[in-house]
Protein backbone atom coordinates (compact mmCIF):
# COMPACT_ATOMS: atom_id res chain seq x y z
CA MET A 1 28.21 -9.92 -17.61
CA ASN A 2 26.14 -7.13 -15.38
CA ILE A 3 23.12 -8.76 -13.92
CA ARG A 4 20.15 -6.16 -13.05
CA THR A 5 19.01 -5.84 -9.79
CA LEU A 6 16.36 -4.02 -8.14
CA PRO A 7 17.06 -1.41 -5.30
CA VAL A 8 15.19 -1.55 -1.88
CA ALA A 9 16.49 0.83 0.79
CA LEU A 10 15.70 0.06 4.46
CA GLN A 11 16.09 2.66 6.94
CA ARG A 12 15.45 1.98 11.01
CA CYS A 13 13.36 4.87 12.44
CA ASP A 14 11.40 4.60 15.60
CA SER A 15 9.67 8.24 15.56
CA TYR A 16 6.55 9.34 12.98
CA THR A 17 7.83 12.94 13.71
CA PRO A 18 6.79 14.16 10.24
CA SER A 19 10.13 15.98 9.80
CA VAL A 20 11.99 12.80 10.83
CA ILE A 21 9.87 10.68 8.19
CA ALA A 22 10.92 13.06 5.62
CA GLU A 23 14.53 13.18 6.41
CA LEU A 24 14.33 9.28 5.71
CA ILE A 25 12.81 9.48 2.48
CA ASP A 26 15.43 12.09 1.19
CA ARG A 27 18.03 9.52 2.17
CA ILE A 28 15.94 6.47 0.58
CA VAL A 29 14.66 8.07 -2.73
CA PRO A 30 18.15 8.75 -4.68
CA CYS A 31 19.29 4.69 -3.52
CA VAL A 32 16.09 3.34 -5.45
CA GLY A 33 16.56 5.33 -8.65
CA LEU A 34 14.35 8.05 -8.42
CA ASN A 35 16.57 10.81 -9.96
CA SER A 36 14.54 13.15 -12.09
CA SER A 37 13.12 16.42 -11.20
CA LEU A 38 9.75 16.52 -9.66
CA HIS A 39 9.49 20.23 -9.71
CA GLY A 40 5.94 21.26 -11.35
CA LYS A 41 4.88 17.32 -11.16
CA LYS A 42 1.63 15.93 -9.87
CA VAL A 43 2.07 13.40 -7.28
CA LEU A 44 -0.60 11.52 -5.59
CA LEU A 45 0.06 9.60 -2.23
CA LYS A 46 -1.74 6.40 -1.80
CA PRO A 47 -1.37 5.53 1.91
CA ASN A 48 -3.58 2.48 3.10
CA LEU A 49 -6.76 4.36 4.90
CA ILE A 50 -8.93 1.12 5.19
CA SER A 51 -11.66 3.20 7.60
CA SER A 52 -12.11 5.88 9.61
CA SER A 53 -13.87 3.30 12.63
CA GLY A 54 -11.41 0.98 12.54
CA PRO A 55 -8.03 0.71 14.89
CA ARG A 56 -5.94 3.89 13.99
CA LEU A 57 -2.75 1.15 13.65
CA ALA A 58 -4.85 -0.47 10.47
CA CYS A 59 -3.98 2.66 8.66
CA THR A 60 -0.56 4.14 7.55
CA HIS A 61 0.30 6.56 10.23
CA GLY A 62 -0.42 10.25 9.92
CA GLY A 63 2.93 11.49 10.81
CA PHE A 64 4.15 9.28 8.02
CA ILE A 65 1.64 10.81 5.50
CA ALA A 66 2.60 14.02 6.46
CA GLY A 67 6.24 13.54 6.33
CA ALA A 68 6.06 11.95 2.89
CA ALA A 69 3.97 15.22 1.73
CA MET A 70 6.71 17.35 3.09
CA TRP A 71 8.93 15.89 1.30
CA PHE A 72 7.64 15.75 -1.91
CA GLN A 73 6.60 19.47 -1.40
CA ALA A 74 9.76 20.57 -0.72
CA GLN A 75 10.94 19.06 -4.38
CA GLY A 76 8.25 21.56 -5.90
CA ALA A 77 5.84 18.60 -6.47
CA LYS A 78 2.11 19.26 -6.48
CA VAL A 79 1.01 16.81 -3.83
CA LEU A 80 -2.15 15.14 -3.27
CA VAL A 81 -3.29 12.57 -0.89
CA GLY A 82 -5.88 9.80 -2.18
CA ASP A 83 -7.64 6.59 -1.30
CA SER A 84 -10.73 4.91 -1.59
CA PRO A 85 -11.26 3.57 1.83
CA ALA A 86 -13.68 0.41 2.37
CA PHE A 87 -15.61 2.58 4.56
CA GLY A 88 -16.03 6.26 4.85
CA SER A 89 -14.20 8.55 2.84
CA ALA A 90 -10.60 9.28 2.28
CA LYS A 91 -10.67 12.90 4.15
CA LYS A 92 -13.00 11.15 7.12
CA VAL A 93 -9.97 8.74 7.61
CA CYS A 94 -7.22 11.44 7.21
CA GLN A 95 -9.39 13.60 10.28
CA THR A 96 -9.42 10.55 12.46
CA LEU A 97 -5.32 10.10 11.70
CA LYS A 98 -5.31 13.74 12.98
CA VAL A 99 -3.39 14.78 9.58
CA LEU A 100 -6.06 16.61 7.53
CA GLU A 101 -5.00 19.99 9.74
CA VAL A 102 -1.25 19.72 8.56
CA LEU A 103 -2.04 18.90 4.75
CA HIS A 104 -4.07 21.96 4.88
CA ASP A 105 -1.01 24.07 6.53
CA LEU A 106 1.18 22.18 3.72
CA ASN A 107 -1.42 23.16 1.02
CA VAL A 108 -1.51 19.48 -0.01
CA ARG A 109 -5.14 18.57 -0.94
CA VAL A 110 -7.00 15.49 -0.10
CA VAL A 111 -8.61 13.63 -2.83
CA ASN A 112 -11.70 11.20 -2.74
CA PHE A 113 -11.24 8.31 -5.36
CA VAL A 114 -14.71 9.60 -7.22
CA SER A 115 -14.02 9.43 -10.78
CA PRO A 116 -14.59 5.73 -12.17
CA VAL A 117 -12.69 4.33 -15.12
CA ALA A 118 -13.47 1.06 -16.55
CA VAL A 119 -10.16 -0.92 -17.22
CA LYS A 120 -10.22 -4.22 -19.07
CA LEU A 121 -6.62 -5.60 -17.15
CA SER A 122 -4.36 -8.13 -19.08
CA GLY A 123 -5.90 -11.08 -17.61
CA GLY A 124 -9.33 -10.20 -19.02
CA VAL A 125 -10.74 -8.99 -15.93
CA SER A 126 -12.82 -5.73 -16.17
CA VAL A 127 -12.51 -2.99 -13.22
CA THR A 128 -13.66 0.05 -12.45
CA VAL A 129 -10.64 2.21 -11.01
CA ALA A 130 -10.18 5.87 -9.74
CA ARG A 131 -9.30 8.52 -12.53
CA GLU A 132 -7.40 10.02 -10.00
CA ALA A 133 -5.01 7.35 -9.25
CA LEU A 134 -4.37 7.46 -12.89
CA GLU A 135 -3.81 10.80 -14.00
CA CYS A 136 -0.57 11.71 -11.86
CA ASP A 137 2.81 11.57 -12.97
CA LEU A 138 3.64 9.60 -9.78
CA PHE A 139 2.16 7.42 -7.91
CA VAL A 140 3.46 6.67 -4.37
CA GLY A 141 2.14 3.80 -2.44
CA LEU A 142 2.42 4.60 1.23
CA PRO A 143 1.37 1.03 2.60
CA LYS A 144 0.97 -0.19 5.87
CA ILE A 145 2.67 -3.34 7.08
CA LYS A 146 -0.38 -6.01 8.29
CA ALA A 147 -0.82 -9.49 8.72
CA HIS A 148 -4.22 -10.13 6.45
CA ASN A 149 -6.43 -13.14 7.39
CA GLN A 150 -7.29 -13.61 3.62
CA MET A 151 -3.92 -12.45 1.73
CA TYR A 152 -0.96 -13.56 4.61
CA VAL A 153 0.39 -10.01 4.48
CA THR A 154 -0.64 -6.74 3.01
CA MET A 155 2.61 -4.79 1.47
CA ALA A 156 3.11 -2.40 -1.45
CA VAL A 157 1.29 -4.83 -3.94
CA LYS A 158 -1.77 -5.04 -1.74
CA ASN A 159 -2.19 -1.36 -1.05
CA ILE A 160 -2.38 -0.97 -5.22
CA PHE A 161 -5.89 -2.55 -4.45
CA GLY A 162 -6.92 0.48 -3.25
CA ILE A 163 -7.21 2.09 -6.57
CA VAL A 164 -10.41 0.10 -6.88
CA LYS A 165 -13.50 2.25 -6.23
CA GLY A 166 -15.46 1.56 -3.21
CA VAL A 167 -18.10 -0.77 -3.60
CA ASN A 168 -15.88 -2.44 -6.98
CA LYS A 169 -13.97 -4.07 -4.24
CA ALA A 170 -16.68 -6.01 -2.70
CA MET A 171 -17.93 -6.84 -6.27
CA LEU A 172 -14.66 -8.28 -7.33
CA HIS A 173 -14.52 -10.46 -3.82
CA MET A 174 -17.79 -11.78 -5.14
CA VAL A 175 -17.46 -12.31 -8.61
CA HIS A 176 -13.43 -13.44 -8.81
CA GLY A 177 -13.04 -14.16 -5.08
CA ASN A 178 -12.97 -18.25 -5.87
CA SER A 179 -9.59 -18.55 -5.22
CA HIS A 180 -6.73 -16.76 -3.53
CA ASN A 181 -4.34 -17.31 -6.67
CA GLN A 182 -6.92 -15.68 -9.27
CA PHE A 183 -7.62 -12.83 -6.80
CA ALA A 184 -3.96 -12.03 -6.36
CA ALA A 185 -3.59 -12.13 -10.22
CA ILE A 186 -5.98 -9.36 -10.60
CA ILE A 187 -4.29 -7.22 -7.73
CA LEU A 188 -0.90 -7.87 -9.78
CA ASP A 189 -2.77 -7.11 -13.02
CA LEU A 190 -3.23 -3.67 -11.50
CA MET A 191 0.28 -2.84 -11.64
CA SER A 192 0.79 -2.38 -15.25
CA ILE A 193 -2.08 0.50 -15.47
CA LEU A 194 -0.41 2.92 -13.15
CA PRO A 195 1.83 6.07 -13.71
CA PRO A 196 5.42 5.46 -12.67
CA GLN A 197 5.71 4.18 -9.21
CA LEU A 198 7.31 4.91 -5.94
CA HIS A 199 6.59 3.06 -2.99
CA LEU A 200 7.61 3.69 0.82
CA ALA A 201 6.29 1.47 3.37
CA ASP A 202 5.21 2.25 7.03
CA ALA A 203 6.83 -0.37 8.87
CA LEU A 204 7.44 1.15 12.45
CA GLU A 205 4.67 -0.19 14.04
CA VAL A 206 2.99 -3.11 12.18
CA MET A 207 0.31 -4.99 12.60
CA ASP A 208 0.93 -8.91 13.42
CA LYS A 209 -1.04 -12.04 14.24
CA SER A 210 -4.24 -11.19 12.35
CA GLY A 211 -5.55 -8.21 10.24
CA PRO A 212 -6.17 -5.92 8.58
CA LEU A 213 -8.10 -4.69 11.39
CA ASP A 214 -7.91 -7.09 14.34
CA GLY A 215 -4.40 -7.47 15.15
CA SER A 216 -1.54 -7.13 17.51
CA CYS A 217 0.83 -3.69 17.86
CA LEU A 218 4.43 -4.99 16.57
CA ALA A 219 7.27 -2.36 16.56
CA LEU A 220 9.61 -3.39 13.82
CA ASP A 221 11.15 0.41 13.50
CA CYS A 222 11.44 0.17 9.82
CA VAL A 223 10.99 2.51 6.80
CA ALA A 224 11.57 0.75 3.34
CA GLY A 225 11.41 1.98 -0.31
CA ALA A 226 11.30 0.83 -3.73
CA ARG A 227 10.33 1.71 -7.21
CA CYS A 228 8.82 -2.03 -7.49
CA PRO A 229 6.30 -3.11 -5.39
CA VAL A 230 6.99 -6.48 -5.65
CA ALA A 231 10.51 -6.25 -5.15
CA LEU A 232 9.65 -3.90 -2.15
CA ASP A 233 7.49 -7.43 -1.05
CA THR A 234 9.87 -10.00 -1.60
CA ALA A 235 12.75 -7.86 0.42
CA LEU A 236 10.03 -7.39 3.28
CA LEU A 237 9.05 -11.10 3.50
CA ASP A 238 12.50 -11.84 4.15
CA LEU A 239 12.57 -9.21 6.88
CA LEU A 240 9.80 -10.63 8.59
CA GLN A 241 10.83 -13.96 8.24
CA LEU A 242 7.80 -15.39 6.50
CA THR A 243 7.81 -18.11 4.14
CA ARG A 244 7.05 -16.45 0.57
CA THR A 245 5.03 -19.23 -1.05
CA GLN A 246 2.47 -18.46 1.73
CA SER A 247 1.49 -15.41 0.10
CA PRO A 248 -0.75 -15.62 -2.81
CA LEU A 249 0.52 -12.41 -4.45
CA TRP A 250 4.49 -13.37 -4.22
CA ARG A 251 3.29 -16.53 -5.62
CA ILE A 252 1.67 -15.61 -8.31
CA ALA A 253 4.41 -12.66 -9.04
CA ALA A 254 7.03 -15.92 -8.63
CA LEU A 255 5.35 -18.04 -11.23
CA ARG A 256 4.77 -15.16 -13.36
CA GLY A 257 8.43 -14.55 -13.32
CA LEU A 258 7.92 -10.82 -12.48
CA ASP A 259 10.72 -8.02 -11.97
CA GLY A 260 11.33 -8.34 -8.17
CA SER A 261 9.80 -11.96 -7.47
CA LYS A 262 13.50 -13.51 -6.93
CA PHE A 263 15.15 -12.33 -3.84
CA ASP A 264 18.92 -12.81 -5.38
CA LYS A 265 18.02 -10.25 -7.66
CA LEU A 266 17.26 -7.40 -5.20
CA SER A 267 20.29 -5.00 -4.23
CA PHE A 268 20.20 -3.28 -0.60
CA PRO A 269 22.11 -0.03 -1.00
CA LEU A 270 21.31 0.38 3.03
CA LEU A 271 20.41 -1.73 5.47
CA THR A 272 19.33 -5.48 5.06
CA PRO A 273 16.33 -7.59 5.76
CA GLN A 274 18.71 -9.29 8.00
CA ASN A 275 19.47 -6.21 10.16
CA PHE A 276 15.60 -6.63 11.06
CA HIS A 277 15.39 -10.46 11.74
CA GLY A 278 14.24 -11.37 15.07
CA SER A 279 10.86 -9.33 15.02
CA GLY A 280 8.82 -12.06 15.98
CA PHE A 281 6.23 -10.79 13.56
CA ILE A 282 3.66 -13.72 12.89
CA ALA A 283 1.64 -14.12 10.11
CA PRO A 284 -1.97 -16.13 10.12
CA ASP A 285 -1.21 -19.57 9.76
CA THR A 286 -4.70 -20.72 7.88
CA LEU A 287 -6.30 -17.69 5.07
CA TYR A 288 -9.81 -16.93 5.01
CA GLY A 289 -11.61 -17.59 1.96
CA ILE A 290 -11.71 -14.47 -0.40
CA ARG A 291 -15.21 -14.34 -1.96
CA PHE A 292 -17.75 -12.53 0.89
CA ASN A 293 -20.26 -14.79 2.73
CA PRO A 294 -23.43 -13.64 0.57
CA VAL A 295 -25.16 -12.34 3.89
CA ARG A 296 -21.85 -10.46 4.79
CA PHE A 297 -21.84 -8.85 0.93
CA LEU A 298 -25.63 -7.57 1.42
CA GLN A 299 -24.34 -6.08 5.25
CA ASN A 300 -21.62 -4.37 3.48
CA MET A 301 -23.87 -3.09 0.84
CA THR A 302 -26.42 -1.87 2.94
CA LYS A 303 -23.86 0.01 5.24
CA ARG A 304 -22.21 1.75 2.40
CA LEU A 305 -25.49 3.31 1.33
CA ALA A 306 -26.33 4.01 4.80
CA LEU A 307 -22.69 6.05 4.91
CA LYS A 308 -23.41 7.47 1.64
CA VAL A 309 -26.44 9.15 2.44
CA VAL A 310 -25.27 10.50 5.69
CA ASN A 311 -22.36 12.07 3.87
């Protein structure tokens, strides 16, 4: 009896040159089961654009975003780039990453997540997400691999949290941040409201030791792709030689028996995680609490309001 496996494509890459990234994506996509024509389809690229004022290492690299945009545009797709950064706008972060001009030349529009849609998740929590993330034919996550002081490490699944609109992220931290597991469950529930997905991880230069804004740069020289974000995370946890149960997102995914949470049910049509072992990646030993300190929460809200007025 054939047991279905979920493919995860791993490739070596040490260059953020957009044409090089596009060529690698061309190898990865057929390996992960995205075989339908993209001609005329609306494709949303969702990178991790956490902040325009933080270190560039905290965001998906501009060359990676441009390379993905080039490849999808070459397939005849209508390509958009969008996110809801913690501070500032997607356009501002793209400008900081020096990718805005490249995207303009490609006729790829950067969209801010401004249209709110109230959604009740399967776990019963109500969230406000961006309509822009839901109204596309293909949602393409472009996560930046980073150590994370609250969630151990941020990868494909955590990147999906970016579809929650601005201030609502902070509200979820305050209202539902009583435990890491509870918060992880909310993020995992977001997967089911998305259109068909593809995830391509920027793991060329990763942030380790601490994060998501204050870690160290480590050259991993990897691009990873999968249709299933849980499968991609499971593969990357092994690739980084991390303890899977230390990740709240993986732990809850495994508890639910979600597709992609079992390493032995993954397949690797290109390189394997073992090909990248020995990187020396370090994740936080102790995780911070999810719920924001009330003073910090008020400070962040004041900062958001000030930025909104300025913009």
